[in-house]
Protein backbone atom coordinates (compact mmCIF):
# COMPACT_ATOMS: atom_id res chain seq x y z
CA MET A 1 -15.23 -11.78 0.61
CA LEU A 2 -12.45 -9.26 1.57
CA VAL A 3 -10.03 -10.18 4.38
CA SER A 4 -7.98 -8.47 6.91
CA ALA A 5 -4.42 -8.14 5.95
CA THR A 6 -3.11 -9.97 9.25
CA GLU A 7 -2.93 -13.54 8.19
CA MET A 8 -1.42 -12.75 4.68
CA LEU A 9 1.32 -10.72 6.16
CA LYS A 10 2.29 -13.38 8.54
CA LYS A 11 2.53 -15.77 5.87
CA ALA A 12 4.68 -13.37 3.84
CA HIS A 13 6.82 -12.74 6.65
CA ASP A 14 7.36 -16.76 7.40
CA GLY A 15 7.79 -17.18 3.73
CA HIS A 16 10.35 -14.29 2.89
CA TYR A 17 8.42 -12.46 0.50
CA ALA A 18 6.10 -9.25 0.35
CA VAL A 19 2.43 -8.64 -0.40
CA PRO A 20 2.04 -5.63 -2.69
CA ALA A 21 -0.06 -2.89 -1.51
CA PHE A 22 -1.21 -1.21 -4.54
CA ASN A 23 -3.05 1.94 -4.10
CA ILE A 24 -6.31 2.34 -6.09
CA ASN A 25 -7.54 5.77 -7.36
CA ASN A 26 -10.70 4.65 -9.29
CA LEU A 27 -12.66 1.89 -11.00
CA GLU A 28 -9.88 1.14 -13.57
CA TRP A 29 -7.40 0.95 -10.94
CA THR A 30 -9.34 -1.58 -8.94
CA LYS A 31 -10.06 -3.83 -11.81
CA SER A 32 -6.43 -3.69 -13.37
CA ILE A 33 -4.88 -4.67 -10.03
CA LEU A 34 -7.38 -7.24 -9.13
CA LYS A 35 -6.88 -8.81 -12.63
CA ALA A 36 -2.90 -8.88 -12.41
CA CYS A 37 -3.17 -10.37 -8.90
CA GLU A 38 -5.82 -13.03 -9.68
CA GLU A 39 -3.64 -14.17 -12.92
CA MET A 40 -0.43 -14.23 -10.67
CA LYS A 41 -2.16 -15.95 -7.84
CA SER A 42 -0.86 -13.43 -5.45
CA PRO A 43 -2.45 -11.94 -2.38
CA VAL A 44 -3.01 -8.13 -2.21
CA ILE A 45 -3.84 -4.94 -0.24
CA LEU A 46 -5.64 -2.40 -1.95
CA GLY A 47 -4.64 0.70 -0.60
CA VAL A 48 -6.72 4.08 -0.54
CA SER A 49 -5.26 7.55 0.75
CA GLU A 50 -7.87 9.79 2.31
CA GLY A 51 -7.61 12.20 -0.68
CA ALA A 52 -8.39 9.12 -3.24
CA ALA A 53 -11.42 8.39 -1.00
CA LYS A 54 -12.64 11.92 -1.08
CA TYR A 55 -12.24 11.63 -5.04
CA MET A 56 -14.05 8.48 -5.30
CA CYS A 57 -17.03 9.99 -3.13
CA GLY A 58 -16.30 9.00 0.37
CA PHE A 59 -15.07 5.76 2.11
CA LYS A 60 -18.47 3.74 2.07
CA ASN A 61 -18.44 4.31 -1.97
CA VAL A 62 -14.93 2.92 -2.17
CA ALA A 63 -15.53 -0.15 0.31
CA ASP A 64 -18.89 -0.88 -1.71
CA MET A 65 -17.29 -0.37 -5.19
CA VAL A 66 -14.41 -2.69 -4.27
CA LYS A 67 -16.66 -5.49 -2.78
CA ASN A 68 -18.70 -5.32 -5.84
CA VAL A 69 -15.71 -5.50 -8.28
CA HIS A 70 -14.07 -8.38 -6.25
CA ASP A 71 -17.24 -10.25 -6.54
CA ALA A 72 -18.00 -9.68 -10.15
CA MET A 73 -14.49 -10.66 -11.06
CA VAL A 74 -14.70 -13.79 -9.06
CA ILE A 75 -11.61 -13.08 -7.45
CA THR A 76 -9.94 -15.86 -5.39
CA VAL A 77 -6.94 -14.70 -3.95
CA PRO A 78 -7.09 -12.87 -0.72
CA VAL A 79 -7.90 -9.18 -0.87
CA ALA A 80 -7.46 -6.69 1.83
CA LEU A 81 -8.99 -3.02 1.51
CA HIS A 82 -6.64 -0.71 3.55
CA LEU A 83 -6.83 2.87 4.46
CA ASP A 84 -3.28 4.26 3.60
CA HIS A 85 -1.77 7.12 6.04
CA GLY A 86 -4.95 7.51 7.70
CA THR A 87 -5.65 10.17 10.12
CA TYR A 88 -7.20 9.20 13.73
CA ASP A 89 -10.77 10.23 12.43
CA GLY A 90 -10.11 8.68 9.11
CA ALA A 91 -9.13 5.42 10.56
CA LYS A 92 -12.20 5.36 12.67
CA ALA A 93 -14.60 6.14 9.63
CA CYS A 94 -12.82 3.69 7.40
CA ILE A 95 -13.72 0.86 10.13
CA GLU A 96 -17.25 1.78 9.95
CA ALA A 97 -17.36 1.77 6.15
CA GLY A 98 -16.32 -1.72 5.68
CA PHE A 99 -12.58 -1.44 5.32
CA THR A 100 -10.81 -4.61 6.53
CA SER A 101 -7.59 -3.04 7.33
CA VAL A 102 -6.64 0.64 8.35
CA MET A 103 -3.25 2.57 8.95
CA PHE A 104 -3.16 5.03 11.52
CA ASP A 105 -0.29 7.38 10.91
CA GLY A 106 0.42 9.15 14.07
CA SER A 107 4.27 9.68 13.07
CA HIS A 108 3.73 13.58 12.98
CA TYR A 109 2.73 13.61 16.73
CA PRO A 110 5.15 13.62 19.90
CA ILE A 111 5.79 9.70 20.48
CA ALA A 112 3.44 9.86 23.67
CA GLU A 113 0.54 11.02 21.63
CA ASN A 114 1.15 8.72 18.89
CA ILE A 115 1.21 5.89 21.21
CA GLU A 116 -2.04 7.03 22.69
CA LYS A 117 -4.08 7.38 19.50
CA SER A 118 -2.78 4.23 18.13
CA LYS A 119 -3.70 2.28 21.23
CA GLU A 120 -7.54 3.49 20.63
CA ILE A 121 -7.43 2.66 16.94
CA ILE A 122 -5.84 -0.93 17.58
CA ALA A 123 -8.57 -1.56 20.33
CA TYR A 124 -11.11 -0.28 18.18
CA ALA A 125 -10.26 -2.34 15.09
CA HIS A 126 -9.49 -5.25 16.68
CA ALA A 127 -12.63 -5.52 18.38
CA LYS A 128 -14.26 -5.74 14.73
CA GLY A 129 -11.50 -8.00 13.28
CA ILE A 130 -9.94 -5.49 11.29
CA SER A 131 -5.97 -5.21 11.02
CA VAL A 132 -3.93 -2.12 12.06
CA GLU A 133 -0.81 -0.52 10.71
CA CYS A 134 1.01 2.25 12.66
CA GLU A 135 3.90 4.25 11.71
CA VAL A 136 7.00 5.60 13.69
CA GLY A 137 9.28 8.26 11.70
CA GLY A 138 7.97 10.15 8.84
CA ILE A 139 8.18 8.68 5.29
CA GLY A 140 9.75 11.48 2.87
CA GLY A 141 8.28 12.96 -0.06
CA THR A 142 4.88 14.10 -0.74
CA GLU A 143 1.82 12.66 0.45
CA ASP A 144 -1.43 14.42 0.16
CA GLY A 145 0.23 17.66 0.16
CA VAL A 146 2.67 17.26 2.77
CA THR A 147 6.40 17.14 1.75
CA SER A 148 9.40 15.90 3.85
CA MET A 149 12.68 14.26 3.11
CA GLY A 150 13.04 10.55 4.20
CA GLU A 151 13.26 10.27 7.97
CA VAL A 152 14.82 7.19 9.92
CA ALA A 153 12.95 6.03 12.70
CA ASP A 154 13.93 5.45 16.21
CA PRO A 155 14.15 1.70 16.94
CA GLU A 156 13.01 2.40 20.57
CA GLU A 157 9.91 4.02 19.67
CA CYS A 158 9.28 1.35 17.13
CA ARG A 159 9.23 -1.06 20.00
CA LEU A 160 6.88 1.02 22.07
CA ILE A 161 4.24 0.91 18.98
CA ASN A 162 4.91 -2.76 18.39
CA ASP A 163 4.25 -3.56 22.01
CA LEU A 164 0.57 -2.13 21.57
CA GLY A 165 -0.34 -5.26 19.52
CA VAL A 166 -0.13 -3.52 16.17
CA ASP A 167 -0.49 -5.86 13.32
CA PHE A 168 2.37 -4.56 11.22
CA LEU A 169 4.53 -1.50 11.54
CA ALA A 170 5.63 1.17 9.12
CA ALA A 171 9.18 2.85 9.85
CA GLY A 172 11.03 5.26 7.88
CA ILE A 173 14.45 3.97 6.67
CA GLY A 174 15.05 6.69 4.38
CA ASN A 175 12.27 5.80 1.76
CA ILE A 176 10.25 8.54 0.25
CA HIS A 177 6.90 8.64 -1.66
CA GLY A 178 6.94 9.84 -5.10
CA VAL A 179 9.84 9.82 -7.73
CA TYR A 180 13.05 9.22 -5.76
CA PRO A 181 15.83 12.06 -6.42
CA GLU A 182 19.07 11.24 -8.20
CA ASN A 183 21.24 11.91 -4.75
CA TRP A 184 18.81 9.61 -2.96
CA ALA A 185 21.08 7.91 -0.43
CA GLY A 186 19.07 4.29 -0.41
CA LEU A 187 17.45 2.42 2.20
CA ASN A 188 18.95 2.20 5.88
CA PHE A 189 19.41 -1.42 6.34
CA GLU A 190 21.27 -0.98 9.72
CA VAL A 191 18.18 0.87 11.19
CA LEU A 192 15.97 -1.77 9.49
CA ALA A 193 17.42 -4.81 11.04
CA LYS A 194 17.49 -3.18 14.67
CA ILE A 195 13.94 -2.27 13.97
CA GLN A 196 12.92 -6.12 13.26
CA GLU A 197 15.10 -7.09 16.26
CA VAL A 198 13.26 -4.93 18.60
CA THR A 199 9.68 -5.72 17.10
CA ASN A 200 10.10 -9.42 17.62
CA GLY A 201 9.65 -10.64 14.24
CA ARG A 202 6.66 -8.34 13.66
CA PRO A 203 5.93 -7.85 9.79
CA LEU A 204 7.48 -4.37 8.56
CA VAL A 205 6.01 -2.12 5.90
CA LEU A 206 8.16 -0.48 3.19
CA HIS A 207 6.34 2.85 2.03
CA GLY A 208 7.33 4.60 -1.05
CA GLY A 209 8.06 1.29 -3.06
CA SER A 210 7.97 3.06 -6.40
CA GLY A 211 11.67 2.98 -7.90
CA ILE A 212 13.67 1.45 -5.10
CA PRO A 213 16.23 -0.86 -6.90
CA LYS A 214 15.34 -4.43 -6.80
CA ASP A 215 18.48 -5.55 -4.90
CA GLN A 216 17.29 -3.26 -2.05
CA ILE A 217 13.70 -4.58 -2.33
CA LYS A 218 15.03 -8.00 -1.83
CA LYS A 219 17.41 -7.21 1.02
CA ALA A 220 14.63 -5.31 2.70
CA ILE A 221 12.36 -8.47 2.49
CA SER A 222 15.03 -10.66 3.85
CA LEU A 223 15.14 -8.19 7.01
CA GLY A 224 11.36 -8.57 7.81
CA VAL A 225 9.46 -6.17 5.34
CA SER A 226 6.44 -8.06 4.36
CA LYS A 227 4.12 -5.22 2.71
CA ILE A 228 5.35 -2.98 -0.19
CA ASN A 229 3.36 0.14 -0.87
CA VAL A 230 3.15 1.07 -4.38
CA ASN A 231 1.20 4.08 -6.07
CA THR A 232 3.50 6.58 -8.26
CA GLU A 233 4.80 3.74 -10.46
CA LEU A 234 1.45 2.73 -11.50
CA GLN A 235 0.23 6.25 -12.27
CA LEU A 236 3.41 6.92 -14.45
CA GLU A 237 3.00 3.62 -16.18
CA PHE A 238 -1.00 4.75 -16.68
CA ALA A 239 -0.09 8.21 -17.86
CA LYS A 240 2.79 6.82 -20.42
CA ALA A 241 0.29 4.36 -22.16
CA THR A 242 -2.47 7.00 -22.21
CA ARG A 243 -0.36 9.57 -23.83
CA GLN A 244 1.07 7.22 -26.47
CA TYR A 245 -2.45 6.35 -27.24
CA ILE A 246 -3.41 9.77 -27.77
CA GLU A 247 -0.18 11.11 -29.60
CA GLU A 248 -0.52 8.19 -32.04
CA GLY A 249 -4.07 9.76 -32.91
CA LYS A 250 -5.87 6.60 -31.76
CA ASP A 251 -8.59 8.69 -30.13
CA ARG A 252 -9.72 9.94 -33.48
CA GLN A 253 -9.99 6.59 -35.06
CA GLY A 254 -13.40 5.32 -35.19
CA LYS A 255 -14.75 5.43 -31.66
CA GLY A 256 -11.29 5.77 -30.02
CA TYR A 257 -12.55 8.68 -27.92
CA ASP A 258 -15.19 6.04 -26.08
CA PRO A 259 -13.59 6.20 -22.59
CA ARG A 260 -13.49 2.57 -22.54
CA LYS A 261 -11.12 2.42 -25.46
CA LEU A 262 -9.22 5.79 -24.45
CA LEU A 263 -8.38 4.12 -20.80
CA ALA A 264 -7.70 0.61 -22.05
CA PRO A 265 -4.06 0.91 -22.79
CA GLY A 266 -3.43 2.59 -19.23
CA CYS A 267 -5.30 -0.32 -17.84
CA GLU A 268 -3.13 -2.89 -19.44
CA ALA A 269 0.06 -1.00 -18.50
CA ILE A 270 -1.06 -1.08 -14.87
CA VAL A 271 -1.71 -4.82 -15.05
CA ASN A 272 1.57 -5.53 -16.63
CA LYS A 273 3.46 -3.24 -14.04
CA CYS A 274 1.91 -5.24 -11.20
CA LYS A 275 2.51 -8.66 -12.50
CA ALA A 276 6.44 -7.58 -12.82
CA MET A 277 6.27 -6.18 -9.38
CA ILE A 278 4.37 -9.07 -7.91
CA GLN A 279 7.64 -11.26 -9.24
CA ASP A 280 9.96 -8.84 -7.87
CA PHE A 281 8.38 -8.99 -4.39
CA GLY A 282 7.89 -12.79 -4.63
CA SER A 283 4.17 -13.06 -3.72
CA ASP A 284 3.36 -14.86 -6.90
CA ASN A 285 1.44 -18.20 -6.51
CA LYS A 286 1.41 -17.40 -2.67
CA ALA A 287 -2.33 -16.91 -2.62
């Protein structure tokens, strides 16, 4: 049974570790991530962007697939199915489709409109026992075709969204989606500390978790980050392993062209990378 993310993130915040939020893109991603988390005894949040949901034939299909895979694999660790960077309409659709957690990203709206829309989504989701994440200050990089540099959130705006009763809060602290450029300035820990102070110990979310140095990850966790989003890093690992398989000509050996064999090295690479990141985040044996 899938669960909301509220309890697992409260435990993570109290225990000073972070729950991995690994984005899924298909069946293989779902199986590989759940396998890694079950083996490491780590709670997990399966993130789904609206673009990935469209690719997988809609929110309902994603929810049904994840539930069926979860049950077929006899997964015992806590698993939340979460909409990542959701629109207002997308968040409502996911709540109806069977997701157990949603993110409403109103960071591109003026703060008053962000507050109003966030308030509505929180009320709608909480009535059904579903956890909600909201965002203040855009996360840089490219997300579903929208590109921006890493912004730094206004702590006062974070306080206003926090006071609506959101379950966890994403706030820009210089982090970006995708591959980090060589001239990246790093995370702004001074602002992160202020945000945690004004949100009264609310679990915070670090987007763009792929490629952030381990020491910065650990410091962010010590300052209240309880959920770290990862997508790009798993895609790169999958692509690297798949490329190696084909370059070595293994797809031309026997039935190496069978998609189950062709995709197996990439899936194994995802499992291994998830395990390593779970250890970095400190969520192993916390299920």
